[in-house]
PDB file of N, CA and C in Angstrom:
ATOM      1  N   MET A   1       1.507  -1.512  -0.062  1.00  0.00           N
ATOM      2  CA  MET A   1       0.151   0.600  -0.070  1.00  0.00           C
ATOM      3  C   MET A   1       0.875   1.278   0.282  1.00  0.00           C
ATOM      4  N   ASP A   2       0.676   2.340  -0.648  1.00  0.00           N
ATOM      5  CA  ASP A   2       1.063   3.212  -0.608  1.00  0.00           C
ATOM      6  C   ASP A   2       1.466   3.852   0.466  1.00  0.00           C
ATOM      7  N   VAL A   3       2.819   4.796   0.934  1.00  0.00           N
ATOM      8  CA  VAL A   3       2.913   5.495   1.917  1.00  0.00           C
ATOM      9  C   VAL A   3       1.605   6.380   2.380  1.00  0.00           C
ATOM     10  N   LEU A   4       1.619   6.551   0.779  1.00  0.00           N
ATOM     11  CA  LEU A   4       1.048   8.143   1.151  1.00  0.00           C
ATOM     12  C   LEU A   4      -0.537   7.823   1.453  1.00  0.00           C
ATOM     13  N   SER A   5      -1.154   6.563   1.383  1.00  0.00           N
ATOM     14  CA  SER A   5      -2.371   6.665   2.165  1.00  0.00           C
ATOM     15  C   SER A   5      -2.976   6.742   2.744  1.00  0.00           C
ATOM     16  N   GLU A   6      -1.922   7.061   4.091  1.00  0.00           N
ATOM     17  CA  GLU A   6      -1.630   6.836   5.539  1.00  0.00           C
ATOM     18  C   GLU A   6      -1.945   8.306   5.942  1.00  0.00           C
ATOM     19  N   ASP A   7      -2.167   8.851   5.386  1.00  0.00           N
ATOM     20  CA  ASP A   7      -1.830  10.307   5.850  1.00  0.00           C
ATOM     21  C   ASP A   7      -3.280  11.251   5.542  1.00  0.00           C
ATOM     22  N   VAL A   8      -3.431  10.793   4.514  1.00  0.00           N
ATOM     23  CA  VAL A   8      -5.529  11.060   3.750  1.00  0.00           C
ATOM     24  C   VAL A   8      -6.280  11.338   4.729  1.00  0.00           C
ATOM     25  N   GLU A   9      -6.430  12.525   4.564  1.00  0.00           N
ATOM     26  CA  GLU A   9      -7.942  12.984   4.949  1.00  0.00           C
ATOM     27  C   GLU A   9      -9.148  13.416   4.408  1.00  0.00           C
ATOM     28  N   LEU A  10      -9.826  12.099   3.930  1.00  0.00           N
ATOM     29  CA  LEU A  10     -11.301  12.364   3.009  1.00  0.00           C
ATOM     30  C   LEU A  10     -11.926  13.122   4.038  1.00  0.00           C
ATOM     31  N   SER A  11     -12.342  14.013   3.385  1.00  0.00           N
ATOM     32  CA  SER A  11     -14.579  15.176   3.303  1.00  0.00           C
ATOM     33  C   SER A  11     -15.504  14.269   3.911  1.00  0.00           C
ATOM     34  N   HIS A  12     -15.976  15.078   4.075  1.00  0.00           N
ATOM     35  CA  HIS A  12     -17.545  14.107   4.964  1.00  0.00           C
ATOM     36  C   HIS A  12     -17.935  13.899   3.561  1.00  0.00           C
ATOM     37  N   ALA A  13     -18.319  14.587   2.902  1.00  0.00           N
ATOM     38  CA  ALA A  13     -18.558  14.215   1.293  1.00  0.00           C
ATOM     39  C   ALA A  13     -17.965  13.246   0.859  1.00  0.00           C
ATOM     40  N   ASP A  14     -16.857  12.569   1.370  1.00  0.00           N
ATOM     41  CA  ASP A  14     -16.095  11.481   0.142  1.00  0.00           C
ATOM     42  C   ASP A  14     -16.015  10.215   1.205  1.00  0.00           C
ATOM     43  N   LEU A  15     -16.806  10.543   2.739  1.00  0.00           N
ATOM     44  CA  LEU A  15     -16.698   9.097   3.771  1.00  0.00           C
ATOM     45  C   LEU A  15     -18.358   8.933   3.326  1.00  0.00           C
ATOM     46  N   ALA A  16     -19.545   9.408   3.144  1.00  0.00           N
ATOM     47  CA  ALA A  16     -20.473   9.135   2.850  1.00  0.00           C
ATOM     48  C   ALA A  16     -20.451   8.474   1.630  1.00  0.00           C
ATOM     49  N   LEU A  17     -20.001   9.135   0.678  1.00  0.00           N
ATOM     50  CA  LEU A  17     -20.234   8.251  -1.000  1.00  0.00           C
ATOM     51  C   LEU A  17     -19.281   6.995  -0.848  1.00  0.00           C
ATOM     52  N   LEU A  18     -18.853   7.101  -0.376  1.00  0.00           N
ATOM     53  CA  LEU A  18     -17.852   5.215   0.816  1.00  0.00           C
ATOM     54  C   LEU A  18     -18.518   4.470   0.914  1.00  0.00           C
ATOM     55  N   ALA A  19     -19.725   5.525   2.327  1.00  0.00           N
ATOM     56  CA  ALA A  19     -21.295   4.852   3.080  1.00  0.00           C
ATOM     57  C   ALA A  19     -21.544   4.464   2.272  1.00  0.00           C
ATOM     58  N   GLU A  20     -22.361   5.106   1.636  1.00  0.00           N
ATOM     59  CA  GLU A  20     -22.937   4.386   0.924  1.00  0.00           C
ATOM     60  C   GLU A  20     -22.841   3.201  -0.543  1.00  0.00           C
ATOM     61  N   LEU A  21     -21.922   2.831  -0.977  1.00  0.00           N
ATOM     62  CA  LEU A  21     -21.242   2.285  -1.823  1.00  0.00           C
ATOM     63  C   LEU A  21     -21.219   0.787  -1.269  1.00  0.00           C
ATOM     64  N   ALA A  22     -20.373   1.335   0.020  1.00  0.00           N
ATOM     65  CA  ALA A  22     -20.447  -0.130   1.328  1.00  0.00           C
ATOM     66  C   ALA A  22     -22.078  -0.737   1.543  1.00  0.00           C
ATOM     67  N   ARG A  23     -22.917   0.236   2.158  1.00  0.00           N
ATOM     68  CA  ARG A  23     -24.181  -0.052   1.755  1.00  0.00           C
ATOM     69  C   ARG A  23     -24.751  -1.270   0.767  1.00  0.00           C
ATOM     70  N   GLY A  24     -23.911  -1.621  -0.572  1.00  0.00           N
ATOM     71  CA  GLY A  24     -24.515  -1.408  -1.623  1.00  0.00           C
ATOM     72  C   GLY A  24     -25.460  -0.729  -2.481  1.00  0.00           C
ATOM     73  N   VAL A  25     -25.636   0.722  -2.865  1.00  0.00           N
ATOM     74  CA  VAL A  25     -25.987   1.075  -3.392  1.00  0.00           C
ATOM     75  C   VAL A  25     -25.270   1.748  -4.075  1.00  0.00           C
ATOM     76  N   THR A  26     -25.970   1.577  -5.328  1.00  0.00           N
ATOM     77  CA  THR A  26     -25.567   2.034  -6.888  1.00  0.00           C
ATOM     78  C   THR A  26     -25.081   3.022  -7.017  1.00  0.00           C
ATOM     79  N   VAL A  27     -23.984   3.244  -8.168  1.00  0.00           N
ATOM     80  CA  VAL A  27     -23.221   4.317  -8.458  1.00  0.00           C
ATOM     81  C   VAL A  27     -24.978   5.578  -8.803  1.00  0.00           C
ATOM     82  N   ASP A  28     -25.091   4.709  -9.571  1.00  0.00           N
ATOM     83  CA  ASP A  28     -26.218   5.693 -10.907  1.00  0.00           C
ATOM     84  C   ASP A  28     -27.585   5.975  -9.091  1.00  0.00           C
ATOM     85  N   ARG A  29     -28.268   5.487  -8.477  1.00  0.00           N
ATOM     86  CA  ARG A  29     -28.474   6.053  -7.046  1.00  0.00           C
ATOM     87  C   ARG A  29     -28.382   7.207  -6.013  1.00  0.00           C
ATOM     88  N   VAL A  30     -26.992   6.074  -5.901  1.00  0.00           N
ATOM     89  CA  VAL A  30     -26.031   7.345  -5.487  1.00  0.00           C
ATOM     90  C   VAL A  30     -25.734   8.985  -6.028  1.00  0.00           C
ATOM     91  N   GLY A  31     -25.154   8.799  -7.080  1.00  0.00           N
ATOM     92  CA  GLY A  31     -25.886  10.032  -8.141  1.00  0.00           C
ATOM     93  C   GLY A  31     -27.556  10.779  -7.868  1.00  0.00           C
ATOM     94  N   ARG A  32     -28.540  10.099  -8.339  1.00  0.00           N
ATOM     95  CA  ARG A  32     -28.902  10.613  -7.708  1.00  0.00           C
ATOM     96  C   ARG A  32     -30.245  11.454  -6.556  1.00  0.00           C
ATOM     97  N   ARG A  33     -29.203  10.049  -5.375  1.00  0.00           N
ATOM     98  CA  ARG A  33     -29.381  11.269  -4.172  1.00  0.00           C
ATOM     99  C   ARG A  33     -28.765  12.748  -4.169  1.00  0.00           C
ATOM    100  N   LEU A  34     -27.521  12.563  -4.817  1.00  0.00           N
ATOM    101  CA  LEU A  34     -26.477  13.447  -4.281  1.00  0.00           C
ATOM    102  C   LEU A  34     -27.218  15.038  -5.499  1.00  0.00           C
ATOM    103  N   ASP A  35     -28.697  14.396  -6.723  1.00  0.00           N
ATOM    104  CA  ASP A  35     -28.194  15.470  -7.458  1.00  0.00           C
ATOM    105  C   ASP A  35     -27.820  15.223  -7.945  1.00  0.00           C
ATOM    106  N   CYS A  36     -26.426  14.700  -8.721  1.00  0.00           N
ATOM    107  CA  CYS A  36     -25.746  14.607 -10.273  1.00  0.00           C
ATOM    108  C   CYS A  36     -25.701  13.415 -10.688  1.00  0.00           C
ATOM    109  N   SER A  37     -25.244  13.231 -11.460  1.00  0.00           N
ATOM    110  CA  SER A  37     -25.210  12.165 -12.739  1.00  0.00           C
ATOM    111  C   SER A  37     -24.081  11.131 -12.187  1.00  0.00           C
ATOM    112  N   GLY A  38     -24.692   9.334 -12.238  1.00  0.00           N
ATOM    113  CA  GLY A  38     -23.039   8.504 -12.051  1.00  0.00           C
ATOM    114  C   GLY A  38     -22.342   9.162 -12.597  1.00  0.00           C
ATOM    115  N   ARG A  39     -21.301   9.934 -13.946  1.00  0.00           N
ATOM    116  CA  ARG A  39     -20.549   9.679 -14.140  1.00  0.00           C
ATOM    117  C   ARG A  39     -20.073  10.641 -12.633  1.00  0.00           C
ATOM    118  N   THR A  40     -20.998  11.501 -12.744  1.00  0.00           N
ATOM    119  CA  THR A  40     -20.397  12.348 -11.189  1.00  0.00           C
ATOM    120  C   THR A  40     -19.017  11.616 -10.247  1.00  0.00           C
ATOM    121  N   VAL A  41     -20.055  10.781 -10.145  1.00  0.00           N
ATOM    122  CA  VAL A  41     -20.079   9.994  -8.790  1.00  0.00           C
ATOM    123  C   VAL A  41     -19.372   9.608  -9.300  1.00  0.00           C
ATOM    124  N   ARG A  42     -19.054   8.669  -9.759  1.00  0.00           N
ATOM    125  CA  ARG A  42     -17.764   7.275  -9.800  1.00  0.00           C
ATOM    126  C   ARG A  42     -15.634   8.793 -10.748  1.00  0.00           C
ATOM    127  N   ARG A  43     -16.555   9.640 -11.591  1.00  0.00           N
ATOM    128  CA  ARG A  43     -15.569  11.071 -11.671  1.00  0.00           C
ATOM    129  C   ARG A  43     -14.988  11.229  -9.546  1.00  0.00           C
ATOM    130  N   ARG A  44     -15.840  11.531  -9.321  1.00  0.00           N
ATOM    131  CA  ARG A  44     -15.758  11.909  -7.635  1.00  0.00           C
ATOM    132  C   ARG A  44     -14.589  10.505  -7.103  1.00  0.00           C
ATOM    133  N   LEU A  45     -15.304   9.288  -7.320  1.00  0.00           N
ATOM    134  CA  LEU A  45     -14.432   8.325  -7.053  1.00  0.00           C
ATOM    135  C   LEU A  45     -14.179   8.290  -7.050  1.00  0.00           C
ATOM    136  N   ARG A  46     -13.233   8.141  -8.241  1.00  0.00           N
ATOM    137  CA  ARG A  46     -11.327   8.457  -9.098  1.00  0.00           C
ATOM    138  C   ARG A  46     -10.471   8.819  -7.481  1.00  0.00           C
ATOM    139  N   GLY A  47     -10.939  10.427  -8.393  1.00  0.00           N
ATOM    140  CA  GLY A  47      -9.789  11.354  -7.140  1.00  0.00           C
ATOM    141  C   GLY A  47      -9.936  10.740  -5.996  1.00  0.00           C
ATOM    142  N   ILE A  48     -11.157   9.916  -5.465  1.00  0.00           N
ATOM    143  CA  ILE A  48     -10.900   9.715  -3.726  1.00  0.00           C
ATOM    144  C   ILE A  48      -9.638   8.862  -4.033  1.00  0.00           C
ATOM    145  N   CYS A  49      -9.574   7.290  -5.010  1.00  0.00           N
ATOM    146  CA  CYS A  49      -8.128   6.835  -4.855  1.00  0.00           C
ATOM    147  C   CYS A  49      -7.705   7.031  -5.611  1.00  0.00           C
ATOM    148  N   ASP A  50      -7.321   7.660  -6.099  1.00  0.00           N
ATOM    149  CA  ASP A  50      -6.352   8.455  -6.569  1.00  0.00           C
ATOM    150  C   ASP A  50      -5.492   8.771  -4.949  1.00  0.00           C
ATOM    151  N   ARG A  51      -6.487  10.320  -4.480  1.00  0.00           N
ATOM    152  CA  ARG A  51      -6.140  10.650  -3.362  1.00  0.00           C
ATOM    153  C   ARG A  51      -5.825   9.721  -1.915  1.00  0.00           C
ATOM    154  N   ILE A  52      -5.856   8.207  -2.617  1.00  0.00           N
ATOM    155  CA  ILE A  52      -5.858   6.913  -0.663  1.00  0.00           C
ATOM    156  C   ILE A  52      -5.032   5.787  -2.122  1.00  0.00           C
ATOM    157  N   GLY A  53      -4.989   6.267  -2.954  1.00  0.00           N
ATOM    158  CA  GLY A  53      -3.658   5.030  -3.175  1.00  0.00           C
ATOM    159  C   GLY A  53      -3.962   3.946  -3.646  1.00  0.00           C
ATOM    160  N   VAL A  54      -5.947   3.788  -4.303  1.00  0.00           N
ATOM    161  CA  VAL A  54      -6.063   2.277  -4.613  1.00  0.00           C
ATOM    162  C   VAL A  54      -6.700   2.437  -6.233  1.00  0.00           C
ATOM    163  N   ALA A  55      -7.174   1.491  -7.037  1.00  0.00           N
ATOM    164  CA  ALA A  55      -7.004   1.333  -7.887  1.00  0.00           C
ATOM    165  C   ALA A  55      -8.479   0.671  -8.100  1.00  0.00           C
ATOM    166  N   THR A  56      -9.485   1.244  -7.624  1.00  0.00           N
ATOM    167  CA  THR A  56     -10.765   0.458  -7.363  1.00  0.00           C
ATOM    168  C   THR A  56     -11.808   1.233  -6.551  1.00  0.00           C
ATOM    169  N   ALA A  57     -13.157   1.605  -7.257  1.00  0.00           N
ATOM    170  CA  ALA A  57     -13.446   2.123  -6.126  1.00  0.00           C
ATOM    171  C   ALA A  57     -13.689   0.923  -4.339  1.00  0.00           C
ATOM    172  N   ILE A  58     -13.450  -0.405  -4.032  1.00  0.00           N
ATOM    173  CA  ILE A  58     -14.459  -1.004  -3.520  1.00  0.00           C
ATOM    174  C   ILE A  58     -12.826  -1.747  -3.245  1.00  0.00           C
ATOM    175  N   GLU A  59     -11.820  -1.227  -3.466  1.00  0.00           N
ATOM    176  CA  GLU A  59     -10.752  -1.464  -2.585  1.00  0.00           C
ATOM    177  C   GLU A  59     -11.570   0.245  -2.057  1.00  0.00           C
ATOM    178  N   ALA A  60     -11.033   1.262  -2.440  1.00  0.00           N
ATOM    179  CA  ALA A  60     -11.698   2.478  -1.729  1.00  0.00           C
ATOM    180  C   ALA A  60     -12.346   2.194  -0.162  1.00  0.00           C
ATOM    181  N   VAL A  61     -13.830   1.294  -0.706  1.00  0.00           N
ATOM    182  CA  VAL A  61     -14.793   1.055   0.691  1.00  0.00           C
ATOM    183  C   VAL A  61     -13.640   0.388   1.450  1.00  0.00           C
ATOM    184  N   ALA A  62     -12.449  -0.603   1.067  1.00  0.00           N
ATOM    185  CA  ALA A  62     -12.307  -1.533   2.438  1.00  0.00           C
ATOM    186  C   ALA A  62     -11.168  -0.760   2.778  1.00  0.00           C
ATOM    187  N   TRP A  63     -10.328   0.656   2.135  1.00  0.00           N
ATOM    188  CA  TRP A  63      -9.552   1.508   2.641  1.00  0.00           C
ATOM    189  C   TRP A  63     -10.112   1.793   3.372  1.00  0.00           C
ATOM    190  N   ALA A  64     -11.444   2.667   3.685  1.00  0.00           N
ATOM    191  CA  ALA A  64     -11.915   3.520   4.693  1.00  0.00           C
ATOM    192  C   ALA A  64     -12.739   2.768   5.503  1.00  0.00           C
ATOM    193  N   ALA A  65     -13.005   1.012   5.643  1.00  0.00           N
ATOM    194  CA  ALA A  65     -13.427  -0.004   6.472  1.00  0.00           C
ATOM    195  C   ALA A  65     -12.473  -0.368   6.957  1.00  0.00           C
ATOM    196  N   ARG A  66     -11.692  -0.447   6.682  1.00  0.00           N
ATOM    197  CA  ARG A  66     -10.325  -0.734   7.803  1.00  0.00           C
ATOM    198  C   ARG A  66      -9.364   0.131   8.569  1.00  0.00           C
ATOM    199  N   ARG A  67     -10.494   1.857   8.644  1.00  0.00           N
ATOM    200  CA  ARG A  67      -9.381   2.637   9.503  1.00  0.00           C
ATOM    201  C   ARG A  67     -10.642   3.464  10.522  1.00  0.00           C
ATOM    202  N   GLN A  68     -12.027   2.779  10.243  1.00  0.00           N
ATOM    203  CA  GLN A  68     -13.024   2.367  10.778  1.00  0.00           C
ATOM    204  C   GLN A  68     -14.021   4.198  10.709  1.00  0.00           C
ATOM    205  N   LEU A  69     -13.680   4.492   9.208  1.00  0.00           N
ATOM    206  CA  LEU A  69     -14.606   5.827   8.706  1.00  0.00           C
ATOM    207  C   LEU A  69     -15.765   5.598   8.052  1.00  0.00           C
ATOM    208  N   ILE A  70     -16.891   4.413   7.253  1.00  0.00           N
ATOM    209  CA  ILE A  70     -17.298   3.529   7.446  1.00  0.00           C
ATOM    210  C   ILE A  70     -18.095   2.598   8.503  1.00  0.00           C
TER     211      ILE A  70
END
């Protein structure tokens, strides 16, 4: 795992997005809840993944869960 990922702090909105995914909510449904498109949610997820040094949204959810952030 990237050393950088240990020092990264995610916003409340980022963590809320990851928590929704952890509960099994689809990206498109998250988008509707946030009043944005699924494409926007995917873009936000890509940014989160890049900041914490993981490749997929599933890894991002696992990263947050291991740190008890969600």
